[in-house]
Full PDB file with SEQRES, HELIX, SHEET, SSBOND, CRYST1, ORIGX, SCALE, CONECT and MASTER records, all heavy atoms in Angstrom:
SEQRES   1 A   36  ALA LEU VAL CYS GLU LEU ARG ALA ASP THR GLY ASP ASP          
SEQRES   2 A   36  GLU VAL ALA TRP ARG ARG ASP VAL ARG HIS ALA ALA ARG          
SEQRES   3 A   36  LEU ALA TRP SER PRO GLY GLU PRO ARG THR                      
HELIX    1 AA1 LEU A    2  ALA A    8  1                                   7    
SHEET    1 AA1 2 VAL A  15  ARG A  18  0                                        
SHEET    2 AA1 2 VAL A  21  ALA A  24 -1                                        
CRYST1    1.000    1.000    1.000  90.00  90.00  90.00 P 1           1          
ORIGX1      1.000000  0.000000  0.000000        0.00000                         
ORIGX2      0.000000  1.000000  0.000000        0.00000                         
ORIGX3      0.000000  0.000000  1.000000        0.00000                         
SCALE1      1.000000  0.000000  0.000000        0.00000                         
SCALE2      0.000000  1.000000  0.000000        0.00000                         
SCALE3      0.000000  0.000000  1.000000        0.00000                         
ATOM      1  N   ALA A   1     -29.867  -9.321  14.535  1.00  0.00           N  
ATOM      2  CA  ALA A   1     -29.506 -10.044  13.314  1.00  0.00           C  
ATOM      3  C   ALA A   1     -30.753 -10.402  12.517  1.00  0.00           C  
ATOM      4  O   ALA A   1     -30.758 -10.340  11.280  1.00  0.00           O  
ATOM      5  CB  ALA A   1     -28.721 -11.306  13.666  1.00  0.00           C  
ATOM      6  N   LEU A   2     -31.823 -10.787  13.207  1.00  0.00           N  
ATOM      7  CA  LEU A   2     -33.054 -11.167  12.517  1.00  0.00           C  
ATOM      8  C   LEU A   2     -33.652  -9.977  11.772  1.00  0.00           C  
ATOM      9  O   LEU A   2     -34.103 -10.121  10.626  1.00  0.00           O  
ATOM     10  CB  LEU A   2     -34.060 -11.729  13.519  1.00  0.00           C  
ATOM     11  CG  LEU A   2     -35.411 -12.162  12.937  1.00  0.00           C  
ATOM     12  CD1 LEU A   2     -35.230 -13.173  11.819  1.00  0.00           C  
ATOM     13  CD2 LEU A   2     -36.297 -12.740  14.044  1.00  0.00           C  
ATOM     14  N   VAL A   3     -33.664  -8.812  12.380  1.00  0.00           N  
ATOM     15  CA  VAL A   3     -34.183  -7.625  11.709  1.00  0.00           C  
ATOM     16  C   VAL A   3     -33.373  -7.329  10.449  1.00  0.00           C  
ATOM     17  O   VAL A   3     -33.928  -7.043   9.378  1.00  0.00           O  
ATOM     18  CB  VAL A   3     -34.176  -6.413  12.662  1.00  0.00           C  
ATOM     19  CG1 VAL A   3     -34.477  -5.125  11.896  1.00  0.00           C  
ATOM     20  CG2 VAL A   3     -35.199  -6.609  13.773  1.00  0.00           C  
ATOM     21  N   CYS A   4     -32.050  -7.413  10.541  1.00  0.00           N  
ATOM     22  CA  CYS A   4     -31.196  -7.202   9.365  1.00  0.00           C  
ATOM     23  C   CYS A   4     -31.500  -8.224   8.278  1.00  0.00           C  
ATOM     24  O   CYS A   4     -31.574  -7.886   7.087  1.00  0.00           O  
ATOM     25  CB  CYS A   4     -29.724  -7.278   9.760  1.00  0.00           C  
ATOM     26  SG  CYS A   4     -29.146  -5.934  10.814  1.00  0.00           S  
ATOM     27  N   GLU A   5     -31.684  -9.472   8.673  1.00  0.00           N  
ATOM     28  CA  GLU A   5     -31.977 -10.545   7.716  1.00  0.00           C  
ATOM     29  C   GLU A   5     -33.305 -10.307   7.015  1.00  0.00           C  
ATOM     30  O   GLU A   5     -33.412 -10.420   5.782  1.00  0.00           O  
ATOM     31  CB  GLU A   5     -31.996 -11.891   8.437  1.00  0.00           C  
ATOM     32  CG  GLU A   5     -32.146 -13.095   7.531  1.00  0.00           C  
ATOM     33  CD  GLU A   5     -30.935 -13.329   6.658  1.00  0.00           C  
ATOM     34  OE1 GLU A   5     -29.803 -13.221   7.168  1.00  0.00           O  
ATOM     35  OE2 GLU A   5     -31.119 -13.622   5.458  1.00  0.00           O  
ATOM     36  N   LEU A   6     -34.322  -9.963   7.775  1.00  0.00           N  
ATOM     37  CA  LEU A   6     -35.648  -9.766   7.200  1.00  0.00           C  
ATOM     38  C   LEU A   6     -35.648  -8.596   6.224  1.00  0.00           C  
ATOM     39  O   LEU A   6     -36.196  -8.694   5.115  1.00  0.00           O  
ATOM     40  CB  LEU A   6     -36.667  -9.513   8.305  1.00  0.00           C  
ATOM     41  CG  LEU A   6     -36.928 -10.665   9.281  1.00  0.00           C  
ATOM     42  CD1 LEU A   6     -37.894 -10.223  10.375  1.00  0.00           C  
ATOM     43  CD2 LEU A   6     -37.472 -11.896   8.569  1.00  0.00           C  
ATOM     44  N   ARG A   7     -35.027  -7.500   6.603  1.00  0.00           N  
ATOM     45  CA  ARG A   7     -35.091  -6.295   5.782  1.00  0.00           C  
ATOM     46  C   ARG A   7     -34.170  -6.383   4.563  1.00  0.00           C  
ATOM     47  O   ARG A   7     -34.371  -5.680   3.577  1.00  0.00           O  
ATOM     48  CB  ARG A   7     -34.763  -5.061   6.619  1.00  0.00           C  
ATOM     49  CG  ARG A   7     -35.683  -4.881   7.805  1.00  0.00           C  
ATOM     50  CD  ARG A   7     -35.571  -3.516   8.455  1.00  0.00           C  
ATOM     51  NE  ARG A   7     -36.474  -2.563   7.834  1.00  0.00           N  
ATOM     52  CZ  ARG A   7     -36.089  -1.480   7.160  1.00  0.00           C  
ATOM     53  NH1 ARG A   7     -34.806  -1.236   7.018  1.00  0.00           N  
ATOM     54  NH2 ARG A   7     -36.968  -0.650   6.640  1.00  0.00           N  
ATOM     55  N   ALA A   8     -33.161  -7.258   4.616  1.00  0.00           N  
ATOM     56  CA  ALA A   8     -32.249  -7.397   3.468  1.00  0.00           C  
ATOM     57  C   ALA A   8     -32.908  -8.153   2.322  1.00  0.00           C  
ATOM     58  O   ALA A   8     -32.614  -7.916   1.155  1.00  0.00           O  
ATOM     59  CB  ALA A   8     -30.971  -8.100   3.900  1.00  0.00           C  
ATOM     60  N   ASP A   9     -33.769  -9.127   2.641  1.00  0.00           N  
ATOM     61  CA  ASP A   9     -34.501  -9.869   1.613  1.00  0.00           C  
ATOM     62  C   ASP A   9     -33.556 -10.436   0.559  1.00  0.00           C  
ATOM     63  O   ASP A   9     -33.671 -10.152  -0.636  1.00  0.00           O  
ATOM     64  CB  ASP A   9     -35.556  -8.962   0.963  1.00  0.00           C  
ATOM     65  CG  ASP A   9     -36.476  -9.728   0.028  1.00  0.00           C  
ATOM     66  OD1 ASP A   9     -36.737 -10.911   0.296  1.00  0.00           O  
ATOM     67  OD2 ASP A   9     -36.925  -9.139  -0.972  1.00  0.00           O  
ATOM     68  N   THR A  10     -32.594 -11.249   1.003  1.00  0.00           N  
ATOM     69  CA  THR A  10     -31.574 -11.776   0.086  1.00  0.00           C  
ATOM     70  C   THR A  10     -32.066 -12.900  -0.807  1.00  0.00           C  
ATOM     71  O   THR A  10     -31.485 -13.166  -1.853  1.00  0.00           O  
ATOM     72  CB  THR A  10     -30.370 -12.303   0.885  1.00  0.00           C  
ATOM     73  OG1 THR A  10     -30.798 -13.406   1.698  1.00  0.00           O  
ATOM     74  CG2 THR A  10     -29.789 -11.215   1.765  1.00  0.00           C  
ATOM     75  N   GLY A  11     -33.099 -13.604  -0.376  1.00  0.00           N  
ATOM     76  CA  GLY A  11     -33.560 -14.753  -1.147  1.00  0.00           C  
ATOM     77  C   GLY A  11     -32.894 -16.058  -0.765  1.00  0.00           C  
ATOM     78  O   GLY A  11     -33.218 -17.115  -1.321  1.00  0.00           O  
ATOM     79  N   ASP A  12     -31.951 -16.038   0.199  1.00  0.00           N  
ATOM     80  CA  ASP A  12     -31.333 -17.289   0.659  1.00  0.00           C  
ATOM     81  C   ASP A  12     -32.381 -18.151   1.361  1.00  0.00           C  
ATOM     82  O   ASP A  12     -33.170 -17.661   2.164  1.00  0.00           O  
ATOM     83  CB  ASP A  12     -30.183 -16.990   1.625  1.00  0.00           C  
ATOM     84  CG  ASP A  12     -28.932 -16.525   0.906  1.00  0.00           C  
ATOM     85  OD1 ASP A  12     -28.673 -17.038  -0.196  1.00  0.00           O  
ATOM     86  OD2 ASP A  12     -28.229 -15.652   1.441  1.00  0.00           O  
ATOM     87  N   ASP A  13     -32.344 -19.449   1.072  1.00  0.00           N  
ATOM     88  CA  ASP A  13     -33.338 -20.357   1.644  1.00  0.00           C  
ATOM     89  C   ASP A  13     -33.035 -20.740   3.087  1.00  0.00           C  
ATOM     90  O   ASP A  13     -33.952 -20.927   3.886  1.00  0.00           O  
ATOM     91  CB  ASP A  13     -33.428 -21.644   0.799  1.00  0.00           C  
ATOM     92  CG  ASP A  13     -33.943 -21.364  -0.596  1.00  0.00           C  
ATOM     93  OD1 ASP A  13     -34.738 -20.416  -0.751  1.00  0.00           O  
ATOM     94  OD2 ASP A  13     -33.541 -22.075  -1.527  1.00  0.00           O  
ATOM     95  N   GLU A  14     -31.752 -20.903   3.408  1.00  0.00           N  
ATOM     96  CA  GLU A  14     -31.376 -21.325   4.759  1.00  0.00           C  
ATOM     97  C   GLU A  14     -30.204 -20.481   5.242  1.00  0.00           C  
ATOM     98  O   GLU A  14     -29.170 -20.401   4.582  1.00  0.00           O  
ATOM     99  CB  GLU A  14     -30.978 -22.801   4.779  1.00  0.00           C  
ATOM    100  CG  GLU A  14     -32.114 -23.748   4.437  1.00  0.00           C  
ATOM    101  CD  GLU A  14     -31.663 -25.197   4.510  1.00  0.00           C  
ATOM    102  OE1 GLU A  14     -31.245 -25.638   5.595  1.00  0.00           O  
ATOM    103  OE2 GLU A  14     -31.731 -25.878   3.472  1.00  0.00           O  
ATOM    104  N   VAL A  15     -30.389 -19.879   6.404  1.00  0.00           N  
ATOM    105  CA  VAL A  15     -29.376 -18.991   6.966  1.00  0.00           C  
ATOM    106  C   VAL A  15     -29.194 -19.317   8.438  1.00  0.00           C  
ATOM    107  O   VAL A  15     -30.164 -19.646   9.143  1.00  0.00           O  
ATOM    108  CB  VAL A  15     -29.798 -17.512   6.811  1.00  0.00           C  
ATOM    109  CG1 VAL A  15     -28.848 -16.586   7.559  1.00  0.00           C  
ATOM    110  CG2 VAL A  15     -29.871 -17.128   5.339  1.00  0.00           C  
ATOM    111  N   ALA A  16     -27.961 -19.253   8.905  1.00  0.00           N  
ATOM    112  CA  ALA A  16     -27.666 -19.434  10.330  1.00  0.00           C  
ATOM    113  C   ALA A  16     -26.753 -18.300  10.780  1.00  0.00           C  
ATOM    114  O   ALA A  16     -25.718 -18.044  10.156  1.00  0.00           O  
ATOM    115  CB  ALA A  16     -26.999 -20.789  10.585  1.00  0.00           C  
ATOM    116  N   TRP A  17     -27.151 -17.620  11.831  1.00  0.00           N  
ATOM    117  CA  TRP A  17     -26.328 -16.563  12.420  1.00  0.00           C  
ATOM    118  C   TRP A  17     -25.647 -17.104  13.663  1.00  0.00           C  
ATOM    119  O   TRP A  17     -26.299 -17.659  14.546  1.00  0.00           O  
ATOM    120  CB  TRP A  17     -27.195 -15.359  12.797  1.00  0.00           C  
ATOM    121  CG  TRP A  17     -27.602 -14.507  11.643  1.00  0.00           C  
ATOM    122  CD1 TRP A  17     -28.638 -14.726  10.780  1.00  0.00           C  
ATOM    123  CD2 TRP A  17     -26.994 -13.274  11.230  1.00  0.00           C  
ATOM    124  NE1 TRP A  17     -28.709 -13.728   9.854  1.00  0.00           N  
ATOM    125  CE2 TRP A  17     -27.721 -12.812  10.113  1.00  0.00           C  
ATOM    126  CE3 TRP A  17     -25.918 -12.528  11.705  1.00  0.00           C  
ATOM    127  CZ2 TRP A  17     -27.394 -11.628   9.455  1.00  0.00           C  
ATOM    128  CZ3 TRP A  17     -25.603 -11.344  11.052  1.00  0.00           C  
ATOM    129  CH2 TRP A  17     -26.327 -10.902   9.950  1.00  0.00           C  
ATOM    130  N   ARG A  18     -24.317 -16.930  13.704  1.00  0.00           N  
ATOM    131  CA  ARG A  18     -23.533 -17.378  14.853  1.00  0.00           C  
ATOM    132  C   ARG A  18     -22.594 -16.259  15.294  1.00  0.00           C  
ATOM    133  O   ARG A  18     -21.734 -15.838  14.542  1.00  0.00           O  
ATOM    134  CB  ARG A  18     -22.722 -18.645  14.500  1.00  0.00           C  
ATOM    135  CG  ARG A  18     -23.595 -19.871  14.248  1.00  0.00           C  
ATOM    136  CD  ARG A  18     -24.354 -20.280  15.504  1.00  0.00           C  
ATOM    137  NE  ARG A  18     -25.210 -21.441  15.310  1.00  0.00           N  
ATOM    138  CZ  ARG A  18     -26.497 -21.373  14.950  1.00  0.00           C  
ATOM    139  NH1 ARG A  18     -27.049 -20.194  14.750  1.00  0.00           N  
ATOM    140  NH2 ARG A  18     -27.207 -22.471  14.825  1.00  0.00           N  
ATOM    141  N   ARG A  19     -22.831 -15.756  16.515  1.00  0.00           N  
ATOM    142  CA  ARG A  19     -22.017 -14.664  17.073  1.00  0.00           C  
ATOM    143  C   ARG A  19     -21.926 -13.492  16.096  1.00  0.00           C  
ATOM    144  O   ARG A  19     -20.858 -12.971  15.795  1.00  0.00           O  
ATOM    145  CB  ARG A  19     -20.630 -15.174  17.466  1.00  0.00           C  
ATOM    146  CG  ARG A  19     -20.666 -16.252  18.547  1.00  0.00           C  
ATOM    147  CD  ARG A  19     -19.281 -16.656  18.987  1.00  0.00           C  
ATOM    148  NE  ARG A  19     -19.360 -17.681  20.023  1.00  0.00           N  
ATOM    149  CZ  ARG A  19     -19.528 -17.428  21.327  1.00  0.00           C  
ATOM    150  NH1 ARG A  19     -19.632 -16.167  21.741  1.00  0.00           N  
ATOM    151  NH2 ARG A  19     -19.592 -18.410  22.209  1.00  0.00           N  
ATOM    152  N   ASP A  20     -23.104 -13.125  15.578  1.00  0.00           N  
ATOM    153  CA  ASP A  20     -23.237 -11.990  14.661  1.00  0.00           C  
ATOM    154  C   ASP A  20     -22.547 -12.216  13.320  1.00  0.00           C  
ATOM    155  O   ASP A  20     -22.319 -11.262  12.570  1.00  0.00           O  
ATOM    156  CB  ASP A  20     -22.707 -10.701  15.295  1.00  0.00           C  
ATOM    157  CG  ASP A  20     -23.614 -10.215  16.417  1.00  0.00           C  
ATOM    158  OD1 ASP A  20     -24.834 -10.399  16.304  1.00  0.00           O  
ATOM    159  OD2 ASP A  20     -23.091  -9.673  17.407  1.00  0.00           O  
ATOM    160  N   VAL A  21     -22.211 -13.452  13.006  1.00  0.00           N  
ATOM    161  CA  VAL A  21     -21.644 -13.798  11.693  1.00  0.00           C  
ATOM    162  C   VAL A  21     -22.695 -14.596  10.930  1.00  0.00           C  
ATOM    163  O   VAL A  21     -23.255 -15.563  11.457  1.00  0.00           O  
ATOM    164  CB  VAL A  21     -20.345 -14.611  11.826  1.00  0.00           C  
ATOM    165  CG1 VAL A  21     -19.828 -15.020  10.450  1.00  0.00           C  
ATOM    166  CG2 VAL A  21     -19.289 -13.799  12.573  1.00  0.00           C  
ATOM    167  N   ARG A  22     -22.945 -14.195   9.708  1.00  0.00           N  
ATOM    168  CA  ARG A  22     -23.997 -14.813   8.900  1.00  0.00           C  
ATOM    169  C   ARG A  22     -23.433 -15.944   8.042  1.00  0.00           C  
ATOM    170  O   ARG A  22     -22.454 -15.761   7.317  1.00  0.00           O  
ATOM    171  CB  ARG A  22     -24.651 -13.761   8.008  1.00  0.00           C  
ATOM    172  CG  ARG A  22     -25.819 -14.263   7.169  1.00  0.00           C  
ATOM    173  CD  ARG A  22     -26.386 -13.099   6.363  1.00  0.00           C  
ATOM    174  NE  ARG A  22     -27.576 -13.482   5.630  1.00  0.00           N  
ATOM    175  CZ  ARG A  22     -27.579 -13.971   4.398  1.00  0.00           C  
ATOM    176  NH1 ARG A  22     -26.431 -14.149   3.758  1.00  0.00           N  
ATOM    177  NH2 ARG A  22     -28.710 -14.290   3.791  1.00  0.00           N  
ATOM    178  N   HIS A  23     -24.065 -17.107   8.121  1.00  0.00           N  
ATOM    179  CA  HIS A  23     -23.719 -18.258   7.293  1.00  0.00           C  
ATOM    180  C   HIS A  23     -24.948 -18.638   6.465  1.00  0.00           C  
ATOM    181  O   HIS A  23     -26.072 -18.602   6.968  1.00  0.00           O  
ATOM    182  CB  HIS A  23     -23.299 -19.455   8.151  1.00  0.00           C  
ATOM    183  CG  HIS A  23     -22.147 -19.167   9.062  1.00  0.00           C  
ATOM    184  ND1 HIS A  23     -20.844 -19.519   8.758  1.00  0.00           N  
ATOM    185  CD2 HIS A  23     -22.104 -18.560  10.276  1.00  0.00           C  
ATOM    186  CE1 HIS A  23     -20.051 -19.143   9.751  1.00  0.00           C  
ATOM    187  NE2 HIS A  23     -20.784 -18.555  10.681  1.00  0.00           N  
ATOM    188  N   ALA A  24     -24.724 -19.025   5.219  1.00  0.00           N  
ATOM    189  CA  ALA A  24     -25.820 -19.441   4.350  1.00  0.00           C  
ATOM    190  C   ALA A  24     -25.534 -20.832   3.798  1.00  0.00           C  
ATOM    191  O   ALA A  24     -24.396 -21.169   3.484  1.00  0.00           O  
ATOM    192  CB  ALA A  24     -26.009 -18.448   3.207  1.00  0.00           C  
ATOM    193  N   ALA A  25     -26.573 -21.636   3.715  1.00  0.00           N  
ATOM    194  CA  ALA A  25     -26.410 -23.005   3.214  1.00  0.00           C  
ATOM    195  C   ALA A  25     -26.116 -22.989   1.724  1.00  0.00           C  
ATOM    196  O   ALA A  25     -26.779 -22.304   0.946  1.00  0.00           O  
ATOM    197  CB  ALA A  25     -27.676 -23.809   3.488  1.00  0.00           C  
ATOM    198  N   ARG A  26     -25.112 -23.766   1.348  1.00  0.00           N  
ATOM    199  CA  ARG A  26     -24.743 -23.914  -0.056  1.00  0.00           C  
ATOM    200  C   ARG A  26     -24.470 -25.387  -0.339  1.00  0.00           C  
ATOM    201  O   ARG A  26     -23.972 -26.116   0.516  1.00  0.00           O  
ATOM    202  CB  ARG A  26     -23.479 -23.098  -0.383  1.00  0.00           C  
ATOM    203  CG  ARG A  26     -23.649 -21.587  -0.196  1.00  0.00           C  
ATOM    204  CD  ARG A  26     -24.498 -20.999  -1.300  1.00  0.00           C  
ATOM    205  NE  ARG A  26     -24.523 -19.546  -1.242  1.00  0.00           N  
ATOM    206  CZ  ARG A  26     -25.468 -18.841  -0.651  1.00  0.00           C  
ATOM    207  NH1 ARG A  26     -26.463 -19.469  -0.026  1.00  0.00           N  
ATOM    208  NH2 ARG A  26     -25.442 -17.515  -0.667  1.00  0.00           N  
ATOM    209  N   LEU A  27     -24.781 -25.811  -1.557  1.00  0.00           N  
ATOM    210  CA  LEU A  27     -24.454 -27.167  -1.967  1.00  0.00           C  
ATOM    211  C   LEU A  27     -23.054 -27.195  -2.546  1.00  0.00           C  
ATOM    212  O   LEU A  27     -22.703 -26.356  -3.393  1.00  0.00           O  
ATOM    213  CB  LEU A  27     -25.458 -27.679  -3.000  1.00  0.00           C  
ATOM    214  CG  LEU A  27     -26.833 -28.109  -2.471  1.00  0.00           C  
ATOM    215  CD1 LEU A  27     -27.713 -28.553  -3.631  1.00  0.00           C  
ATOM    216  CD2 LEU A  27     -26.706 -29.219  -1.449  1.00  0.00           C  
ATOM    217  N   ALA A  28     -22.262 -28.137  -2.102  1.00  0.00           N  
ATOM    218  CA  ALA A  28     -20.901 -28.271  -2.609  1.00  0.00           C  
ATOM    219  C   ALA A  28     -20.642 -29.736  -2.952  1.00  0.00           C  
ATOM    220  O   ALA A  28     -21.128 -30.643  -2.255  1.00  0.00           O  
ATOM    221  CB  ALA A  28     -19.890 -27.785  -1.574  1.00  0.00           C  
ATOM    222  N   TRP A  29     -19.880 -29.955  -3.999  1.00  0.00           N  
ATOM    223  CA  TRP A  29     -19.556 -31.317  -4.427  1.00  0.00           C  
ATOM    224  C   TRP A  29     -18.470 -31.891  -3.527  1.00  0.00           C  
ATOM    225  O   TRP A  29     -17.432 -31.281  -3.315  1.00  0.00           O  
ATOM    226  CB  TRP A  29     -19.095 -31.333  -5.872  1.00  0.00           C  
ATOM    227  CG  TRP A  29     -18.726 -32.709  -6.358  1.00  0.00           C  
ATOM    228  CD1 TRP A  29     -17.474 -33.206  -6.547  1.00  0.00           C  
ATOM    229  CD2 TRP A  29     -19.627 -33.750  -6.695  1.00  0.00           C  
ATOM    230  NE1 TRP A  29     -17.535 -34.492  -6.983  1.00  0.00           N  
ATOM    231  CE2 TRP A  29     -18.854 -34.865  -7.089  1.00  0.00           C  
ATOM    232  CE3 TRP A  29     -21.012 -33.861  -6.715  1.00  0.00           C  
ATOM    233  CZ2 TRP A  29     -19.418 -36.061  -7.492  1.00  0.00           C  
ATOM    234  CZ3 TRP A  29     -21.581 -35.059  -7.112  1.00  0.00           C  
ATOM    235  CH2 TRP A  29     -20.794 -36.137  -7.500  1.00  0.00           C  
ATOM    236  N   SER A  30     -18.753 -33.059  -2.967  1.00  0.00           N  
ATOM    237  CA  SER A  30     -17.776 -33.728  -2.119  1.00  0.00           C  
ATOM    238  C   SER A  30     -17.335 -35.016  -2.802  1.00  0.00           C  
ATOM    239  O   SER A  30     -18.124 -35.967  -2.921  1.00  0.00           O  
ATOM    240  CB  SER A  30     -18.396 -34.052  -0.748  1.00  0.00           C  
ATOM    241  OG  SER A  30     -17.489 -34.779   0.051  1.00  0.00           O  
ATOM    242  N   PRO A  31     -16.097 -35.047  -3.312  1.00  0.00           N  
ATOM    243  CA  PRO A  31     -15.640 -36.259  -4.015  1.00  0.00           C  
ATOM    244  C   PRO A  31     -15.481 -37.421  -3.050  1.00  0.00           C  
ATOM    245  O   PRO A  31     -15.199 -37.238  -1.871  1.00  0.00           O  
ATOM    246  CB  PRO A  31     -14.290 -35.837  -4.609  1.00  0.00           C  
ATOM    247  CG  PRO A  31     -13.817 -34.756  -3.705  1.00  0.00           C  
ATOM    248  CD  PRO A  31     -15.047 -34.011  -3.250  1.00  0.00           C  
ATOM    249  N   GLY A  32     -15.699 -38.586  -3.554  1.00  0.00           N  
ATOM    250  CA  GLY A  32     -15.542 -39.787  -2.726  1.00  0.00           C  
ATOM    251  C   GLY A  32     -14.836 -40.873  -3.512  1.00  0.00           C  
ATOM    252  O   GLY A  32     -14.667 -40.786  -4.722  1.00  0.00           O  
ATOM    253  N   GLU A  33     -14.436 -41.891  -2.823  1.00  0.00           N  
ATOM    254  CA  GLU A  33     -13.741 -43.015  -3.469  1.00  0.00           C  
ATOM    255  C   GLU A  33     -14.746 -44.046  -3.945  1.00  0.00           C  
ATOM    256  O   GLU A  33     -15.752 -44.305  -3.282  1.00  0.00           O  
ATOM    257  CB  GLU A  33     -12.764 -43.672  -2.494  1.00  0.00           C  
ATOM    258  CG  GLU A  33     -11.614 -42.760  -2.059  1.00  0.00           C  
ATOM    259  CD  GLU A  33     -10.749 -42.354  -3.224  1.00  0.00           C  
ATOM    260  OE1 GLU A  33     -10.590 -43.190  -4.148  1.00  0.00           O  
ATOM    261  OE2 GLU A  33     -10.252 -41.220  -3.238  1.00  0.00           O  
ATOM    262  N   PRO A  34     -14.505 -44.655  -5.128  1.00  0.00           N  
ATOM    263  CA  PRO A  34     -15.392 -45.722  -5.579  1.00  0.00           C  
ATOM    264  C   PRO A  34     -15.437 -46.862  -4.560  1.00  0.00           C  
ATOM    265  O   PRO A  34     -14.450 -47.184  -3.930  1.00  0.00           O  
ATOM    266  CB  PRO A  34     -14.736 -46.182  -6.894  1.00  0.00           C  
ATOM    267  CG  PRO A  34     -13.824 -45.071  -7.289  1.00  0.00           C  
ATOM    268  CD  PRO A  34     -13.382 -44.403  -6.029  1.00  0.00           C  
ATOM    269  N   ARG A  35     -16.638 -47.408  -4.388  1.00  0.00           N  
ATOM    270  CA  ARG A  35     -16.798 -48.502  -3.425  1.00  0.00           C  
ATOM    271  C   ARG A  35     -17.168 -49.791  -4.168  1.00  0.00           C  
ATOM    272  O   ARG A  35     -18.011 -49.775  -5.065  1.00  0.00           O  
ATOM    273  CB  ARG A  35     -17.885 -48.158  -2.403  1.00  0.00           C  
ATOM    274  CG  ARG A  35     -17.467 -47.082  -1.436  1.00  0.00           C  
ATOM    275  CD  ARG A  35     -18.548 -46.819  -0.421  1.00  0.00           C  
ATOM    276  NE  ARG A  35     -19.728 -46.213  -1.059  1.00  0.00           N  
ATOM    277  CZ  ARG A  35     -20.854 -45.944  -0.412  1.00  0.00           C  
ATOM    278  NH1 ARG A  35     -20.991 -46.267   0.857  1.00  0.00           N  
ATOM    279  NH2 ARG A  35     -21.861 -45.367  -1.031  1.00  0.00           N  
ATOM    280  N   THR A  36     -16.544 -50.882  -3.797  1.00  0.00           N  
ATOM    281  CA  THR A  36     -16.859 -52.176  -4.394  1.00  0.00           C  
ATOM    282  C   THR A  36     -18.135 -52.726  -3.798  1.00  0.00           C  
ATOM    283  O   THR A  36     -18.291 -52.775  -2.589  1.00  0.00           O  
ATOM    284  CB  THR A  36     -15.706 -53.176  -4.118  1.00  0.00           C  
ATOM    285  OG1 THR A  36     -14.492 -52.628  -4.613  1.00  0.00           O  
ATOM    286  CG2 THR A  36     -16.006 -54.508  -4.781  1.00  0.00           C  
TER     287      THR A  36                                                      
MASTER        0    0    0    1    2    0    0    6  286    1    0    3          
END                                                                             
């Protein structure tokens, strides 16, 4: 997996491989409730 990652040169900043499945870090908006 590391060889594939290095040679692909995707530009992703953070990547995690789990059981040969590639995951990449993404920012997502998580709504929350107003707090007093």
